[in-house]
Amino acid sequence: MNRKVLNFSLLLVLAMSLASCKTDSTACKEILFTHYFVSSNGFESNIVALCPDETSPRQITTNGLLGNSKPYWSPDGSKIAYLSAGSGTRQLHLMDSDGSNDRQITSGSGLDVSQMMWLPDGNRIAMLVAEAGEWQWQAVDVLTGEITSLDAWAFQSDSILSMSLSHDGTRFAHVVRANPEQANSPSKLYIQDIDGSNPFVLANTKGIIDSPIWSPDDSQIAFISCGENATCVEKNIYMINTDGSNLHELTTTDLDPWMIAWSPDGESLAVIADDELYTGGVLYELDIKTGKRTALFKLEEPSMIAQLSW
């Protein structure tokens, strides 16, 4: 082969490789959320993704009458798990990140999935299901559909709310309220091993605690709370180290958040908050170090946004 042609070919391959690396390194990790809305067909909900650098969200699911909700990224970001009630009860579905290859994982008229979370291996999803009138934790293999019981999680009770699993899969963060039936009740934020052992109280407040989430490195937990305000007029975002130190507020009373998710790099939070003008909710990106928040997406009622994964 002519040396000039060979050199040109090598340069072309190198240029393509560099371009590919640049594209991969600058790829945006989208925020997933549920978009609830009313159409001429009735009440619908779809899974939507938004890159913080973009102004328009990407709708992933299309048939909103099926009641699509609660999207969660897989640990490697290649899959999206979500719930759909098209069969009459909420069943677990799985699709590729671009919305393709959508398939139903669970089935059964007596099965209703309430909560779910990916297990660290990325091959299984833990589900809180109602079956034959009883609540229980199960794990489903997303490749085979095989379901196994999570007996070690049996310590969970009706008083335990807002539970999340650490990224290494060894500990829970969860909230226990003095009165689970009361909208605003004194609350305790615990972390403990997944078998229920070694419980440790991170925070204890007169007002509610909600939505505890682990930082990507499992060293901190962010949560929403009314703090010591028992009447809970407005909520704020708090952060605490998992050893119980450095409890502090991230926001002031002008935000009123009701759902949060941690960014993959640990530097920001995605926040859904109430707004006087956009009553369906506003999606913000909140910089943890500076406190600066940027509005990413806004909706007016009867549309609404909920349920975050980043």
Protein backbone atom coordinates (compact mmCIF):
# COMPACT_ATOMS: atom_id res chain seq x y z
CA MET A 1 0.00 0.00 0.00
CA ASN A 2 1.19 3.54 -0.74
CA ARG A 3 2.74 5.09 2.37
CA LYS A 4 0.74 8.32 1.97
CA VAL A 5 -2.49 6.36 1.73
CA LEU A 6 -1.51 4.30 4.78
CA ASN A 7 -0.67 7.42 6.80
CA PHE A 8 -3.95 9.06 5.78
CA SER A 9 -5.87 5.94 6.80
CA LEU A 10 -4.18 5.86 10.19
CA LEU A 11 -4.93 9.54 10.74
CA LEU A 12 -8.56 8.98 9.77
CA VAL A 13 -8.91 6.09 12.22
CA LEU A 14 -7.28 8.18 14.96
CA ALA A 15 -9.56 11.13 14.27
CA MET A 16 -12.62 8.90 14.40
CA SER A 17 -11.45 7.36 17.67
CA LEU A 18 -10.88 10.78 19.23
CA ALA A 19 -14.29 11.95 18.07
CA SER A 20 -15.87 8.86 19.55
CA CYS A 21 -14.09 9.39 22.87
CA LYS A 22 -15.20 13.00 22.95
CA THR A 23 -18.80 12.04 22.29
CA ASP A 24 -18.78 9.39 25.01
CA SER A 25 -17.11 11.63 27.58
CA THR A 26 -19.55 14.47 27.03
CA ALA A 27 -22.68 12.32 26.86
CA CYS A 28 -25.43 13.73 29.08
CA LYS A 29 -26.88 11.60 31.86
CA GLU A 30 -30.58 12.38 31.66
CA ILE A 31 -32.98 12.90 34.54
CA LEU A 32 -35.92 10.50 34.40
CA PHE A 33 -39.34 11.50 35.70
CA THR A 34 -43.05 10.75 35.28
CA HIS A 35 -45.23 13.25 33.43
CA TYR A 36 -48.88 13.10 34.52
CA PHE A 37 -51.41 14.88 32.32
CA VAL A 38 -55.03 14.97 31.18
CA SER A 39 -55.78 14.35 27.50
CA SER A 40 -58.98 13.94 25.51
CA ASN A 41 -58.70 10.25 26.33
CA GLY A 42 -58.47 10.72 30.07
CA PHE A 43 -55.76 10.79 32.75
CA GLU A 44 -52.38 9.63 31.39
CA SER A 45 -48.79 9.29 32.53
CA ASN A 46 -45.59 8.73 30.57
CA ILE A 47 -41.88 8.29 31.24
CA VAL A 48 -39.83 11.33 30.21
CA ALA A 49 -36.09 12.05 30.16
CA LEU A 50 -34.40 15.45 30.27
CA CYS A 51 -30.76 16.39 29.87
CA PRO A 52 -29.97 19.33 32.19
CA ASP A 53 -28.28 21.07 29.25
CA GLU A 54 -31.36 20.82 27.05
CA THR A 55 -34.65 22.73 27.10
CA SER A 56 -36.99 20.06 25.73
CA PRO A 57 -37.58 16.70 27.43
CA ARG A 58 -37.56 13.40 25.56
CA GLN A 59 -40.74 11.36 25.88
CA ILE A 60 -39.84 7.67 26.16
CA THR A 61 -43.13 5.83 26.59
CA THR A 62 -46.09 6.72 24.38
CA ASN A 63 -49.29 5.08 25.61
CA GLY A 64 -49.99 7.13 28.71
CA LEU A 65 -53.33 5.44 29.35
CA LEU A 66 -51.38 2.42 30.60
CA GLY A 67 -50.33 4.37 33.68
CA ASN A 68 -46.56 4.37 33.16
CA SER A 69 -44.70 5.58 36.26
CA LYS A 70 -41.70 5.32 38.62
CA PRO A 71 -38.77 5.09 36.19
CA TYR A 72 -35.35 4.01 37.51
CA TRP A 73 -32.00 3.88 35.74
CA SER A 74 -30.11 0.61 35.96
CA PRO A 75 -26.72 0.85 37.74
CA ASP A 76 -24.86 1.01 34.41
CA GLY A 77 -27.36 3.42 32.82
CA SER A 78 -28.20 1.10 29.91
CA LYS A 79 -31.72 0.14 31.03
CA ILE A 80 -34.79 1.78 32.48
CA ALA A 81 -37.14 -0.08 34.80
CA TYR A 82 -40.62 1.31 35.32
CA LEU A 83 -44.15 0.35 36.35
CA SER A 84 -47.16 0.09 34.07
CA ALA A 85 -50.76 -0.69 34.98
CA GLY A 86 -51.96 -1.67 31.52
CA SER A 87 -52.90 -5.15 32.71
CA GLY A 88 -55.00 -3.81 35.59
CA THR A 89 -52.32 -4.00 38.28
CA ARG A 90 -48.89 -2.39 38.39
CA GLN A 91 -46.34 -4.64 36.70
CA LEU A 92 -42.60 -4.23 36.25
CA HIS A 93 -41.36 -3.34 32.76
CA LEU A 94 -37.86 -2.96 31.37
CA MET A 95 -36.58 -1.12 28.30
CA ASP A 96 -33.32 0.09 26.80
CA SER A 97 -32.26 3.66 27.57
CA ASP A 98 -33.63 4.89 24.23
CA GLY A 99 -37.05 3.33 24.89
CA SER A 100 -36.56 0.34 22.60
CA ASN A 101 -36.89 -3.34 23.48
CA ASP A 102 -39.70 -2.68 25.97
CA ARG A 103 -40.84 -5.83 27.72
CA GLN A 104 -42.96 -6.80 30.71
CA ILE A 105 -40.99 -8.61 33.42
CA THR A 106 -43.68 -9.55 35.96
CA SER A 107 -47.24 -10.79 35.44
CA GLY A 108 -50.22 -12.14 37.32
CA SER A 109 -53.61 -10.68 38.17
CA GLY A 110 -52.90 -11.08 41.89
CA LEU A 111 -49.55 -9.30 41.73
CA ASP A 112 -49.25 -5.54 42.28
CA VAL A 113 -45.82 -3.87 42.46
CA SER A 114 -45.71 -0.85 44.76
CA GLN A 115 -41.99 -0.02 45.08
CA MET A 116 -38.83 -1.18 43.38
CA MET A 117 -35.10 -0.60 43.39
CA TRP A 118 -32.21 -2.01 41.40
CA LEU A 119 -29.84 -4.33 43.21
CA PRO A 120 -26.12 -3.54 42.74
CA ASP A 121 -25.46 -6.45 40.34
CA GLY A 122 -27.70 -4.79 37.73
CA ASN A 123 -29.35 -8.13 36.95
CA ARG A 124 -32.03 -8.08 39.64
CA ILE A 125 -34.65 -5.67 40.88
CA ALA A 126 -36.08 -5.70 44.40
CA MET A 127 -39.85 -5.21 44.48
CA LEU A 128 -42.37 -4.55 47.22
CA VAL A 129 -45.40 -6.47 45.99
CA ALA A 130 -48.91 -7.14 47.18
CA GLU A 131 -49.77 -10.75 46.52
CA ALA A 132 -52.80 -12.55 47.93
CA GLY A 133 -53.44 -9.56 50.21
CA GLU A 134 -49.98 -9.57 51.78
CA TRP A 135 -47.00 -7.26 51.25
CA GLN A 136 -43.60 -8.85 50.72
CA TRP A 137 -40.21 -8.05 49.23
CA GLN A 138 -39.14 -10.12 46.23
CA ALA A 139 -36.27 -9.98 43.74
CA VAL A 140 -36.81 -10.58 40.04
CA ASP A 141 -34.05 -11.55 37.60
CA VAL A 142 -34.50 -9.20 34.62
CA LEU A 143 -32.95 -11.73 32.22
CA THR A 144 -34.89 -14.85 33.19
CA GLY A 145 -37.92 -13.43 35.02
CA GLU A 146 -37.22 -15.75 37.97
CA ILE A 147 -38.62 -14.37 41.24
CA THR A 148 -37.13 -15.14 44.65
CA SER A 149 -38.19 -14.04 48.11
CA LEU A 150 -36.06 -11.50 49.98
CA ASP A 151 -36.52 -13.03 53.42
CA ALA A 152 -33.76 -10.86 54.89
CA TRP A 153 -35.93 -7.80 54.26
CA ALA A 154 -38.85 -9.17 56.28
CA PHE A 155 -38.10 -6.77 59.16
CA GLN A 156 -39.74 -3.98 57.16
CA SER A 157 -43.02 -2.93 58.78
CA ASP A 158 -45.98 -0.68 58.04
CA SER A 159 -44.30 2.12 60.03
CA ILE A 160 -41.29 2.15 57.69
CA LEU A 161 -41.64 4.59 54.80
CA SER A 162 -39.44 6.19 52.17
CA MET A 163 -36.82 3.45 52.02
CA SER A 164 -33.71 3.50 49.82
CA LEU A 165 -30.84 1.06 49.32
CA SER A 166 -27.17 2.02 49.41
CA HIS A 167 -25.29 1.66 46.14
CA ASP A 168 -23.16 -1.14 47.54
CA GLY A 169 -26.33 -3.01 48.55
CA THR A 170 -25.40 -3.47 52.21
CA ARG A 171 -27.57 -0.91 54.03
CA PHE A 172 -30.98 0.74 54.02
CA ALA A 173 -31.90 4.31 54.79
CA HIS A 174 -35.51 4.55 55.84
CA VAL A 175 -37.98 6.66 57.77
CA VAL A 176 -40.07 5.57 60.74
CA ARG A 177 -42.96 7.81 61.73
CA ALA A 178 -44.59 7.81 65.15
CA ASN A 179 -47.97 7.67 63.40
CA PRO A 180 -47.76 6.38 59.79
CA GLU A 181 -51.40 7.32 59.17
CA GLN A 182 -50.81 10.95 60.07
CA ALA A 183 -49.73 13.29 57.26
CA ASN A 184 -47.30 15.11 59.53
CA SER A 185 -45.85 13.04 62.34
CA PRO A 186 -42.59 13.03 64.35
CA SER A 187 -40.06 11.04 62.34
CA LYS A 188 -36.76 9.23 62.68
CA LEU A 189 -34.28 8.61 59.87
CA TYR A 190 -32.46 5.29 60.27
CA ILE A 191 -29.72 3.46 58.48
CA GLN A 192 -29.24 -0.26 59.12
CA ASP A 193 -27.99 -3.43 57.51
CA ILE A 194 -30.28 -5.10 54.98
CA ASP A 195 -31.11 -7.90 57.43
CA GLY A 196 -32.42 -5.33 59.92
CA SER A 197 -29.40 -5.44 62.23
CA ASN A 198 -27.31 -2.50 63.50
CA PRO A 199 -30.00 0.21 63.37
CA PHE A 200 -28.65 3.74 63.79
CA VAL A 201 -30.71 6.93 64.09
CA LEU A 202 -29.30 9.64 61.83
CA ALA A 203 -31.96 12.28 62.44
CA ASN A 204 -34.92 12.73 64.78
CA THR A 205 -37.39 15.55 64.09
CA LYS A 206 -40.77 16.87 65.24
CA GLY A 207 -41.85 17.25 61.61
CA ILE A 208 -41.90 14.68 58.83
CA ILE A 209 -38.82 13.25 57.11
CA ASP A 210 -39.19 12.02 53.55
CA SER A 211 -37.26 10.79 50.48
CA PRO A 212 -33.85 9.80 51.93
CA ILE A 213 -31.33 9.12 49.14
CA TRP A 214 -27.70 7.97 49.25
CA SER A 215 -24.90 9.92 47.63
CA PRO A 216 -23.13 8.07 44.79
CA ASP A 217 -20.26 7.13 47.14
CA ASP A 218 -22.66 6.19 50.01
CA SER A 219 -20.98 8.67 52.36
CA GLN A 220 -23.95 11.05 52.73
CA ILE A 221 -27.74 11.03 52.72
CA ALA A 222 -29.94 13.83 51.47
CA PHE A 223 -33.56 14.02 52.58
CA ILE A 224 -36.59 16.29 52.74
CA SER A 225 -37.92 17.41 56.10
CA CYS A 226 -39.92 20.00 57.99
CA GLY A 227 -37.20 19.92 60.65
CA GLU A 228 -38.50 20.92 64.06
CA ASN A 229 -41.60 22.56 62.58
CA ALA A 230 -44.37 20.21 63.68
CA THR A 231 -46.99 22.03 61.59
CA CYS A 232 -44.88 21.50 58.44
CA VAL A 233 -45.84 24.64 56.56
CA GLU A 234 -42.83 24.33 54.26
CA LYS A 235 -40.17 21.67 53.73
CA ASN A 236 -36.44 21.94 53.09
CA ILE A 237 -33.63 19.69 51.85
CA TYR A 238 -31.14 18.46 54.44
CA MET A 239 -27.89 16.53 54.18
CA ILE A 240 -26.06 14.40 56.73
CA ASN A 241 -23.00 12.15 56.76
CA THR A 242 -23.77 8.46 57.24
CA ASP A 243 -21.87 8.50 60.56
CA GLY A 244 -24.42 11.03 61.86
CA SER A 245 -22.19 14.10 61.60
CA ASN A 246 -22.61 17.39 59.75
CA LEU A 247 -26.40 17.65 59.59
CA HIS A 248 -27.24 20.85 57.70
CA GLU A 249 -29.84 22.50 55.49
CA LEU A 250 -29.21 22.83 51.77
CA THR A 251 -32.23 25.00 51.02
CA THR A 252 -34.30 27.71 52.65
CA THR A 253 -38.06 28.02 52.93
CA ASP A 254 -38.57 29.55 49.47
CA LEU A 255 -38.23 26.23 47.59
CA ASP A 256 -40.68 23.74 49.21
CA PRO A 257 -39.32 20.52 47.61
CA TRP A 258 -41.19 17.23 47.53
CA MET A 259 -38.90 14.89 45.57
CA ILE A 260 -35.11 14.65 45.05
CA ALA A 261 -32.50 12.57 43.20
CA TRP A 262 -28.71 12.69 43.33
CA SER A 263 -26.64 13.37 40.20
CA PRO A 264 -24.19 10.62 39.14
CA ASP A 265 -21.19 12.85 39.94
CA GLY A 266 -22.53 13.73 43.40
CA GLU A 267 -22.33 17.47 42.77
CA SER A 268 -26.01 18.27 42.23
CA LEU A 269 -29.54 17.26 43.17
CA ALA A 270 -32.53 17.09 40.88
CA VAL A 271 -35.44 18.61 42.79
CA ILE A 272 -39.17 18.73 42.13
CA ALA A 273 -40.74 21.61 44.04
CA ASP A 274 -44.03 23.45 44.32
CA ASP A 275 -44.41 26.83 42.68
CA GLU A 276 -47.14 29.48 42.87
CA LEU A 277 -47.17 29.98 39.10
CA TYR A 278 -46.30 26.48 37.89
CA THR A 279 -48.63 24.47 40.11
CA GLY A 280 -47.79 21.18 38.40
CA GLY A 281 -44.27 21.41 39.75
CA VAL A 282 -40.87 22.73 38.72
CA LEU A 283 -37.84 20.51 38.10
CA TYR A 284 -34.63 22.17 39.34
CA GLU A 285 -30.97 21.30 39.33
CA LEU A 286 -29.51 22.30 42.71
CA ASP A 287 -25.75 22.77 43.04
CA ILE A 288 -24.82 21.25 46.42
CA LYS A 289 -21.73 23.41 47.04
CA THR A 290 -23.07 26.81 45.99
CA GLY A 291 -26.80 26.37 46.57
CA LYS A 292 -27.50 27.75 43.10
CA ARG A 293 -30.60 26.27 41.52
CA THR A 294 -31.56 26.23 37.86
CA ALA A 295 -35.11 25.64 36.65
CA LEU A 296 -35.09 22.89 34.01
CA PHE A 297 -38.77 22.14 33.39
CA LYS A 298 -42.08 23.67 34.52
CA LEU A 299 -45.69 22.51 34.38
CA GLU A 300 -49.07 23.93 35.27
CA GLU A 301 -52.00 21.88 36.60
CA PRO A 302 -53.65 19.60 35.67
CA SER A 303 -50.28 18.34 34.38
CA MET A 304 -47.75 17.28 37.00
CA ILE A 305 -44.22 15.89 37.26
CA ALA A 306 -43.14 13.32 39.86
CA GLN A 307 -40.73 10.45 40.63
CA LEU A 308 -37.09 11.15 39.83
CA SER A 309 -34.09 9.05 38.81
CA TRP A 310 -30.74 10.48 37.68
